[in-house]
Amino acid sequence: MEIEIIPLALKKIVQRNVTIELVRETIESPHQIVKGYGGRGVRQRKYQDGGKEKLLRVVCEEEVDKIVVITAYFTTQIERYWEGRI
């Protein structure tokens, strides 16, 4: 499936030091998919960074033939966003 990153999302992703490779990996192999606002999906994947666990959240809209990335960011507030048991 094609992945499209809107220009504003690309700008924010670069500013947040998130690589396109990590965004792609999270979309293709998420640890969890949760519902976001306005019918959007959020694909989440945990990563280790310097011994600290972080959660990459990729907010996207799924279309018939592609996934459109709205934004992506790392957070250390895993408990806040993770659904179910951690």
Protein backbone atom coordinates (compact mmCIF):
# COMPACT_ATOMS: atom_id res chain seq x y z
CA MET A 1 0.00 0.00 0.00
CA GLU A 2 1.23 3.48 -0.86
CA ILE A 3 2.16 5.85 1.96
CA GLU A 4 1.66 9.58 1.40
CA ILE A 5 2.99 12.13 3.87
CA ILE A 6 1.30 15.52 3.58
CA PRO A 7 3.74 18.48 3.41
CA LEU A 8 2.89 19.85 6.88
CA ALA A 9 3.36 16.39 8.39
CA LEU A 10 6.74 16.02 6.69
CA LYS A 11 7.84 19.38 8.10
CA LYS A 12 6.76 18.39 11.63
CA ILE A 13 8.33 14.93 11.36
CA VAL A 14 11.69 16.46 10.40
CA GLN A 15 11.45 19.04 13.22
CA ARG A 16 10.74 16.24 15.71
CA ASN A 17 13.74 14.19 14.55
CA VAL A 18 11.59 11.26 13.45
CA THR A 19 12.95 9.40 10.45
CA ILE A 20 10.81 8.45 7.48
CA GLU A 21 12.05 4.88 7.95
CA LEU A 22 10.57 4.73 11.47
CA VAL A 23 7.29 6.20 10.23
CA ARG A 24 7.14 3.57 7.49
CA GLU A 25 8.03 0.75 9.91
CA THR A 26 5.32 1.90 12.34
CA ILE A 27 2.71 2.02 9.57
CA GLU A 28 3.67 -1.36 8.14
CA SER A 29 4.25 -3.20 11.45
CA PRO A 30 2.49 -1.37 14.28
CA HIS A 31 2.43 -2.83 17.77
CA GLN A 32 -1.06 -1.37 18.13
CA ILE A 33 -3.68 0.53 16.12
CA VAL A 34 -6.07 2.79 18.04
CA LYS A 35 -8.82 5.20 17.07
CA GLY A 36 -7.96 8.86 16.85
CA TYR A 37 -10.06 11.98 16.45
CA GLY A 38 -12.31 12.47 13.45
CA GLY A 39 -12.19 8.85 12.37
CA ARG A 40 -8.44 8.85 11.96
CA GLY A 41 -6.32 5.90 12.96
CA VAL A 42 -3.21 6.03 15.09
CA ARG A 43 -0.57 3.39 14.50
CA GLN A 44 1.73 2.98 17.46
CA ARG A 45 5.05 1.24 17.95
CA LYS A 46 7.42 1.15 20.91
CA TYR A 47 11.11 1.94 20.46
CA GLN A 48 14.14 2.07 22.74
CA ASP A 49 16.17 5.28 22.75
CA GLY A 50 19.20 5.43 25.01
CA GLY A 51 17.71 2.88 27.38
CA LYS A 52 14.40 4.72 27.59
CA GLU A 53 11.22 3.40 26.01
CA LYS A 54 9.36 5.74 23.67
CA LEU A 55 6.16 5.40 21.71
CA LEU A 56 5.98 6.55 18.09
CA ARG A 57 2.44 7.60 17.18
CA VAL A 58 1.59 7.99 13.51
CA VAL A 59 -1.77 9.65 12.90
CA CYS A 60 -3.15 8.72 9.51
CA GLU A 61 -6.18 8.42 7.30
CA GLU A 62 -6.68 5.21 5.39
CA GLU A 63 -7.96 5.48 1.84
CA VAL A 64 -8.70 2.67 -0.58
CA ASP A 65 -5.23 2.56 -2.12
CA LYS A 66 -3.05 4.53 0.28
CA ILE A 67 -2.39 5.68 3.82
CA VAL A 68 -2.10 9.44 4.30
CA VAL A 69 0.13 10.51 7.20
CA ILE A 70 -1.24 13.53 9.05
CA THR A 71 1.48 13.72 11.72
CA ALA A 72 3.91 11.56 13.68
CA TYR A 73 5.65 12.08 17.00
CA PHE A 74 7.47 10.34 19.83
CA THR A 75 6.14 10.40 23.36
CA THR A 76 7.33 8.96 26.64
CA GLN A 77 3.76 8.99 27.99
CA ILE A 78 3.10 5.43 26.88
CA GLU A 79 0.52 4.75 29.60
CA ARG A 80 -1.56 7.69 28.37
CA TYR A 81 -1.92 6.38 24.81
CA TRP A 82 -1.54 2.59 25.03
CA GLU A 83 -4.81 0.70 25.08
CA GLY A 84 -4.96 -2.41 27.22
CA ARG A 85 -2.20 -3.84 29.31
CA ILE A 86 1.33 -2.57 28.92
